[in-house]
Amino acid sequence: MTQWRSVKAKKLLSALISIGWTIKRQSGSHRTLSRPEYQDFVFAFHDGEEIGPRMLTRIAKHTGLTPNDL
């Protein structure tokens, strides 16, 4: 069983910002996020989109996000 639950993209973006990610640039709904010691991460979701547990797991591997951060 996964420990992730579905969240809206807007909430996920604010959680990423709270753990140290910053918006480096934006083109439409594609935001490039940066954080020291990590590769840049492209956040390509509209604010109202629902992001499921499987995608959250993938995002967590690249960003260092944990279920407690949400």
PDB file of N, CA and C in Angstrom:
ATOM      1  N   MET A   1       0.842  -1.183   0.000  1.00  0.00           N
ATOM      2  CA  MET A   1       0.000   0.000   0.000  1.00  0.00           C
ATOM      3  C   MET A   1       0.884   1.243   0.000  1.00  0.00           C
ATOM      4  N   THR A   2       0.527   2.205  -0.809  1.00  0.00           N
ATOM      5  CA  THR A   2       1.307   3.431  -0.899  1.00  0.00           C
ATOM      6  C   THR A   2       0.955   4.386   0.241  1.00  0.00           C
ATOM      7  N   GLN A   3       1.916   5.203   0.618  1.00  0.00           N
ATOM      8  CA  GLN A   3       1.668   6.166   1.688  1.00  0.00           C
ATOM      9  C   GLN A   3       1.277   7.533   1.137  1.00  0.00           C
ATOM     10  N   TRP A   4       1.249   7.662  -0.178  1.00  0.00           N
ATOM     11  CA  TRP A   4       0.868   8.906  -0.823  1.00  0.00           C
ATOM     12  C   TRP A   4      -0.635   8.951  -1.058  1.00  0.00           C
ATOM     13  N   ARG A   5      -1.207  10.149  -1.012  1.00  0.00           N
ATOM     14  CA  ARG A   5      -2.614  10.336  -1.358  1.00  0.00           C
ATOM     15  C   ARG A   5      -2.685  11.392  -2.455  1.00  0.00           C
ATOM     16  N   SER A   6      -3.739  11.383  -3.206  1.00  0.00           N
ATOM     17  CA  SER A   6      -3.895  12.345  -4.305  1.00  0.00           C
ATOM     18  C   SER A   6      -3.991  13.764  -3.771  1.00  0.00           C
ATOM     19  N   VAL A   7      -3.368  14.685  -4.479  1.00  0.00           N
ATOM     20  CA  VAL A   7      -3.426  16.107  -4.107  1.00  0.00           C
ATOM     21  C   VAL A   7      -3.552  16.945  -5.372  1.00  0.00           C
ATOM     22  N   LYS A   8      -3.993  18.153  -5.214  1.00  0.00           N
ATOM     23  CA  LYS A   8      -4.053  19.109  -6.315  1.00  0.00           C
ATOM     24  C   LYS A   8      -2.640  19.628  -6.585  1.00  0.00           C
ATOM     25  N   ALA A   9      -2.386  19.969  -7.845  1.00  0.00           N
ATOM     26  CA  ALA A   9      -1.063  20.436  -8.251  1.00  0.00           C
ATOM     27  C   ALA A   9      -0.657  21.708  -7.511  1.00  0.00           C
ATOM     28  N   LYS A  10      -1.613  22.571  -7.239  1.00  0.00           N
ATOM     29  CA  LYS A  10      -1.312  23.818  -6.530  1.00  0.00           C
ATOM     30  C   LYS A  10      -0.753  23.532  -5.131  1.00  0.00           C
ATOM     31  N   LYS A  11      -1.336  22.555  -4.445  1.00  0.00           N
ATOM     32  CA  LYS A  11      -0.864  22.183  -3.114  1.00  0.00           C
ATOM     33  C   LYS A  11       0.522  21.536  -3.190  1.00  0.00           C
ATOM     34  N   LEU A  12       0.746  20.716  -4.215  1.00  0.00           N
ATOM     35  CA  LEU A  12       2.045  20.082  -4.396  1.00  0.00           C
ATOM     36  C   LEU A  12       3.118  21.126  -4.655  1.00  0.00           C
ATOM     37  N   LEU A  13       2.830  22.103  -5.502  1.00  0.00           N
ATOM     38  CA  LEU A  13       3.797  23.158  -5.786  1.00  0.00           C
ATOM     39  C   LEU A  13       4.143  23.937  -4.527  1.00  0.00           C
ATOM     40  N   SER A  14       3.163  24.258  -3.712  1.00  0.00           N
ATOM     41  CA  SER A  14       3.449  24.994  -2.479  1.00  0.00           C
ATOM     42  C   SER A  14       4.261  24.141  -1.499  1.00  0.00           C
ATOM     43  N   ALA A  15       4.040  22.827  -1.511  1.00  0.00           N
ATOM     44  CA  ALA A  15       4.840  21.939  -0.658  1.00  0.00           C
ATOM     45  C   ALA A  15       6.293  21.901  -1.140  1.00  0.00           C
ATOM     46  N   LEU A  16       6.501  21.870  -2.444  1.00  0.00           N
ATOM     47  CA  LEU A  16       7.866  21.881  -2.986  1.00  0.00           C
ATOM     48  C   LEU A  16       8.576  23.181  -2.637  1.00  0.00           C
ATOM     49  N   ILE A  17       7.866  24.282  -2.737  1.00  0.00           N
ATOM     50  CA  ILE A  17       8.456  25.583  -2.393  1.00  0.00           C
ATOM     51  C   ILE A  17       8.801  25.627  -0.905  1.00  0.00           C
ATOM     52  N   SER A  18       7.958  25.028  -0.074  1.00  0.00           N
ATOM     53  CA  SER A  18       8.223  25.057   1.370  1.00  0.00           C
ATOM     54  C   SER A  18       9.435  24.221   1.776  1.00  0.00           C
ATOM     55  N   ILE A  19       9.823  23.235   0.942  1.00  0.00           N
ATOM     56  CA  ILE A  19      11.021  22.444   1.283  1.00  0.00           C
ATOM     57  C   ILE A  19      12.277  22.972   0.584  1.00  0.00           C
ATOM     58  N   GLY A  20      12.174  24.141  -0.037  1.00  0.00           N
ATOM     59  CA  GLY A  20      13.374  24.784  -0.559  1.00  0.00           C
ATOM     60  C   GLY A  20      13.476  24.946  -2.063  1.00  0.00           C
ATOM     61  N   TRP A  21      12.498  24.483  -2.823  1.00  0.00           N
ATOM     62  CA  TRP A  21      12.525  24.651  -4.267  1.00  0.00           C
ATOM     63  C   TRP A  21      12.087  26.064  -4.616  1.00  0.00           C
ATOM     64  N   THR A  22      12.665  26.637  -5.656  1.00  0.00           N
ATOM     65  CA  THR A  22      12.264  27.959  -6.127  1.00  0.00           C
ATOM     66  C   THR A  22      11.924  27.867  -7.613  1.00  0.00           C
ATOM     67  N   ILE A  23      11.059  28.758  -8.066  1.00  0.00           N
ATOM     68  CA  ILE A  23      10.692  28.792  -9.477  1.00  0.00           C
ATOM     69  C   ILE A  23      11.778  29.572 -10.211  1.00  0.00           C
ATOM     70  N   LYS A  24      12.478  28.871 -11.073  1.00  0.00           N
ATOM     71  CA  LYS A  24      13.588  29.462 -11.828  1.00  0.00           C
ATOM     72  C   LYS A  24      13.061  30.214 -13.043  1.00  0.00           C
ATOM     73  N   ARG A  25      12.121  29.604 -13.758  1.00  0.00           N
ATOM     74  CA  ARG A  25      11.486  30.250 -14.912  1.00  0.00           C
ATOM     75  C   ARG A  25      10.155  29.560 -15.179  1.00  0.00           C
ATOM     76  N   GLN A  26       9.320  30.216 -15.974  1.00  0.00           N
ATOM     77  CA  GLN A  26       8.003  29.667 -16.291  1.00  0.00           C
ATOM     78  C   GLN A  26       7.650  29.985 -17.733  1.00  0.00           C
ATOM     79  N   SER A  27       7.071  28.986 -18.406  1.00  0.00           N
ATOM     80  CA  SER A  27       6.566  29.169 -19.765  1.00  0.00           C
ATOM     81  C   SER A  27       5.218  28.470 -19.825  1.00  0.00           C
ATOM     82  N   GLY A  28       4.145  29.232 -19.744  1.00  0.00           N
ATOM     83  CA  GLY A  28       2.804  28.651 -19.682  1.00  0.00           C
ATOM     84  C   GLY A  28       2.621  27.922 -18.368  1.00  0.00           C
ATOM     85  N   SER A  29       2.212  26.653 -18.445  1.00  0.00           N
ATOM     86  CA  SER A  29       2.020  25.886 -17.212  1.00  0.00           C
ATOM     87  C   SER A  29       3.278  25.106 -16.835  1.00  0.00           C
ATOM     88  N   HIS A  30       4.346  25.238 -17.607  1.00  0.00           N
ATOM     89  CA  HIS A  30       5.603  24.554 -17.302  1.00  0.00           C
ATOM     90  C   HIS A  30       6.477  25.463 -16.443  1.00  0.00           C
ATOM     91  N   ARG A  31       6.742  25.024 -15.240  1.00  0.00           N
ATOM     92  CA  ARG A  31       7.603  25.777 -14.330  1.00  0.00           C
ATOM     93  C   ARG A  31       8.883  24.967 -14.106  1.00  0.00           C
ATOM     94  N   THR A  32      10.022  25.614 -14.237  1.00  0.00           N
ATOM     95  CA  THR A  32      11.282  24.955 -13.939  1.00  0.00           C
ATOM     96  C   THR A  32      11.662  25.342 -12.528  1.00  0.00           C
ATOM     97  N   LEU A  33      11.774  24.329 -11.670  1.00  0.00           N
ATOM     98  CA  LEU A  33      12.110  24.550 -10.269  1.00  0.00           C
ATOM     99  C   LEU A  33      13.576  24.216 -10.045  1.00  0.00           C
ATOM    100  N   SER A  34      14.214  24.932  -9.141  1.00  0.00           N
ATOM    101  CA  SER A  34      15.607  24.648  -8.832  1.00  0.00           C
ATOM    102  C   SER A  34      15.807  24.621  -7.318  1.00  0.00           C
ATOM    103  N   ARG A  35      16.809  23.850  -6.928  1.00  0.00           N
ATOM    104  CA  ARG A  35      17.181  23.722  -5.513  1.00  0.00           C
ATOM    105  C   ARG A  35      18.638  23.302  -5.483  1.00  0.00           C
ATOM    106  N   PRO A  36      19.438  23.894  -4.603  1.00  0.00           N
ATOM    107  CA  PRO A  36      20.852  23.505  -4.537  1.00  0.00           C
ATOM    108  C   PRO A  36      21.007  21.993  -4.312  1.00  0.00           C
ATOM    109  N   GLU A  37      21.999  21.426  -4.983  1.00  0.00           N
ATOM    110  CA  GLU A  37      22.355  20.012  -4.883  1.00  0.00           C
ATOM    111  C   GLU A  37      21.354  19.063  -5.544  1.00  0.00           C
ATOM    112  N   TYR A  38      20.391  19.588  -6.293  1.00  0.00           N
ATOM    113  CA  TYR A  38      19.439  18.784  -7.057  1.00  0.00           C
ATOM    114  C   TYR A  38      19.463  19.258  -8.494  1.00  0.00           C
ATOM    115  N   GLN A  39      19.121  18.368  -9.432  1.00  0.00           N
ATOM    116  CA  GLN A  39      18.947  18.794 -10.813  1.00  0.00           C
ATOM    117  C   GLN A  39      17.646  19.576 -10.910  1.00  0.00           C
ATOM    118  N   ASP A  40      17.580  20.493 -11.875  1.00  0.00           N
ATOM    119  CA  ASP A  40      16.341  21.246 -12.094  1.00  0.00           C
ATOM    120  C   ASP A  40      15.198  20.271 -12.362  1.00  0.00           C
ATOM    121  N   PHE A  41      14.008  20.644 -11.921  1.00  0.00           N
ATOM    122  CA  PHE A  41      12.822  19.801 -12.075  1.00  0.00           C
ATOM    123  C   PHE A  41      11.745  20.596 -12.793  1.00  0.00           C
ATOM    124  N   VAL A  42      11.195  20.030 -13.862  1.00  0.00           N
ATOM    125  CA  VAL A  42      10.131  20.697 -14.616  1.00  0.00           C
ATOM    126  C   VAL A  42       8.787  20.264 -14.049  1.00  0.00           C
ATOM    127  N   PHE A  43       8.062  21.224 -13.528  1.00  0.00           N
ATOM    128  CA  PHE A  43       6.734  21.001 -12.952  1.00  0.00           C
ATOM    129  C   PHE A  43       5.732  21.419 -14.019  1.00  0.00           C
ATOM    130  N   ALA A  44       5.106  20.433 -14.686  1.00  0.00           N
ATOM    131  CA  ALA A  44       4.264  20.705 -15.851  1.00  0.00           C
ATOM    132  C   ALA A  44       2.801  20.354 -15.608  1.00  0.00           C
ATOM    133  N   PHE A  45       2.231  20.907 -14.546  1.00  0.00           N
ATOM    134  CA  PHE A  45       0.844  20.620 -14.208  1.00  0.00           C
ATOM    135  C   PHE A  45       0.073  21.926 -14.059  1.00  0.00           C
ATOM    136  N   HIS A  46      -1.207  21.898 -14.434  1.00  0.00           N
ATOM    137  CA  HIS A  46      -2.093  23.033 -14.182  1.00  0.00           C
ATOM    138  C   HIS A  46      -2.491  22.987 -12.713  1.00  0.00           C
ATOM    139  N   ASP A  47      -2.756  24.155 -12.119  1.00  0.00           N
ATOM    140  CA  ASP A  47      -3.042  24.244 -10.685  1.00  0.00           C
ATOM    141  C   ASP A  47      -4.178  23.344 -10.217  1.00  0.00           C
ATOM    142  N   GLY A  48      -5.226  23.177 -11.014  1.00  0.00           N
ATOM    143  CA  GLY A  48      -6.388  22.401 -10.596  1.00  0.00           C
ATOM    144  C   GLY A  48      -6.278  20.907 -10.840  1.00  0.00           C
ATOM    145  N   GLU A  49      -5.200  20.461 -11.474  1.00  0.00           N
ATOM    146  CA  GLU A  49      -5.053  19.031 -11.784  1.00  0.00           C
ATOM    147  C   GLU A  49      -4.870  18.204 -10.523  1.00  0.00           C
ATOM    148  N   GLU A  50      -5.461  17.023 -10.536  1.00  0.00           N
ATOM    149  CA  GLU A  50      -5.309  16.067  -9.442  1.00  0.00           C
ATOM    150  C   GLU A  50      -4.103  15.175  -9.761  1.00  0.00           C
ATOM    151  N   ILE A  51      -3.174  15.081  -8.832  1.00  0.00           N
ATOM    152  CA  ILE A  51      -1.975  14.263  -9.032  1.00  0.00           C
ATOM    153  C   ILE A  51      -2.070  13.063  -8.111  1.00  0.00           C
ATOM    154  N   GLY A  52      -2.016  11.885  -8.704  1.00  0.00           N
ATOM    155  CA  GLY A  52      -2.212  10.643  -7.971  1.00  0.00           C
ATOM    156  C   GLY A  52      -0.955  10.123  -7.289  1.00  0.00           C
ATOM    157  N   PRO A  53      -1.123   9.059  -6.494  1.00  0.00           N
ATOM    158  CA  PRO A  53      -0.019   8.495  -5.718  1.00  0.00           C
ATOM    159  C   PRO A  53       1.167   8.027  -6.562  1.00  0.00           C
ATOM    160  N   ARG A  54       0.901   7.449  -7.707  1.00  0.00           N
ATOM    161  CA  ARG A  54       1.997   6.937  -8.537  1.00  0.00           C
ATOM    162  C   ARG A  54       2.873   8.082  -9.051  1.00  0.00           C
ATOM    163  N   MET A  55       2.251   9.158  -9.510  1.00  0.00           N
ATOM    164  CA  MET A  55       3.017  10.311  -9.985  1.00  0.00           C
ATOM    165  C   MET A  55       3.729  11.003  -8.832  1.00  0.00           C
ATOM    166  N   LEU A  56       3.104  11.063  -7.668  1.00  0.00           N
ATOM    167  CA  LEU A  56       3.754  11.665  -6.503  1.00  0.00           C
ATOM    168  C   LEU A  56       5.015  10.896  -6.117  1.00  0.00           C
ATOM    169  N   THR A  57       4.981   9.578  -6.245  1.00  0.00           N
ATOM    170  CA  THR A  57       6.159   8.765  -5.946  1.00  0.00           C
ATOM    171  C   THR A  57       7.296   9.120  -6.896  1.00  0.00           C
ATOM    172  N   ARG A  58       6.982   9.279  -8.168  1.00  0.00           N
ATOM    173  CA  ARG A  58       8.003   9.656  -9.159  1.00  0.00           C
ATOM    174  C   ARG A  58       8.583  11.038  -8.859  1.00  0.00           C
ATOM    175  N   ILE A  59       7.700  11.978  -8.533  1.00  0.00           N
ATOM    176  CA  ILE A  59       8.148  13.338  -8.221  1.00  0.00           C
ATOM    177  C   ILE A  59       9.038  13.330  -6.979  1.00  0.00           C
ATOM    178  N   ALA A  60       8.672  12.540  -5.981  1.00  0.00           N
ATOM    179  CA  ALA A  60       9.438  12.467  -4.736  1.00  0.00           C
ATOM    180  C   ALA A  60      10.857  11.969  -4.972  1.00  0.00           C
ATOM    181  N   LYS A  61      11.034  11.037  -5.893  1.00  0.00           N
ATOM    182  CA  LYS A  61      12.374  10.521  -6.183  1.00  0.00           C
ATOM    183  C   LYS A  61      13.294  11.601  -6.722  1.00  0.00           C
ATOM    184  N   HIS A  62      12.741  12.565  -7.445  1.00  0.00           N
ATOM    185  CA  HIS A  62      13.547  13.627  -8.038  1.00  0.00           C
ATOM    186  C   HIS A  62      13.698  14.849  -7.144  1.00  0.00           C
ATOM    187  N   THR A  63      12.773  15.036  -6.207  1.00  0.00           N
ATOM    188  CA  THR A  63      12.738  16.299  -5.463  1.00  0.00           C
ATOM    189  C   THR A  63      13.025  16.178  -3.968  1.00  0.00           C
ATOM    190  N   GLY A  64      12.992  14.985  -3.417  1.00  0.00           N
ATOM    191  CA  GLY A  64      13.194  14.826  -1.990  1.00  0.00           C
ATOM    192  C   GLY A  64      11.933  15.072  -1.168  1.00  0.00           C
ATOM    193  N   LEU A  65      10.789  15.107  -1.811  1.00  0.00           N
ATOM    194  CA  LEU A  65       9.515  15.318  -1.144  1.00  0.00           C
ATOM    195  C   LEU A  65       9.122  14.083  -0.327  1.00  0.00           C
ATOM    196  N   THR A  66       8.513  14.280   0.823  1.00  0.00           N
ATOM    197  CA  THR A  66       8.013  13.178   1.642  1.00  0.00           C
ATOM    198  C   THR A  66       6.509  13.364   1.859  1.00  0.00           C
ATOM    199  N   PRO A  67       5.786  12.302   2.197  1.00  0.00           N
ATOM    200  CA  PRO A  67       4.333  12.446   2.458  1.00  0.00           C
ATOM    201  C   PRO A  67       4.043  13.452   3.566  1.00  0.00           C
ATOM    202  N   ASN A  68       4.930  13.601   4.521  1.00  0.00           N
ATOM    203  CA  ASN A  68       4.719  14.569   5.621  1.00  0.00           C
ATOM    204  C   ASN A  68       4.796  16.012   5.156  1.00  0.00           C
ATOM    205  N   ASP A  69       5.459  16.254   4.009  1.00  0.00           N
ATOM    206  CA  ASP A  69       5.576  17.618   3.485  1.00  0.00           C
ATOM    207  C   ASP A  69       4.250  18.138   2.942  1.00  0.00           C
ATOM    208  N   LEU A  70       3.365  17.215   2.585  1.00  0.00           N
ATOM    209  CA  LEU A  70       2.065  17.620   2.061  1.00  0.00           C
ATOM    210  C   LEU A  70       1.152  17.874   3.222  1.00  0.00           C
TER     211      LEU A  70
END
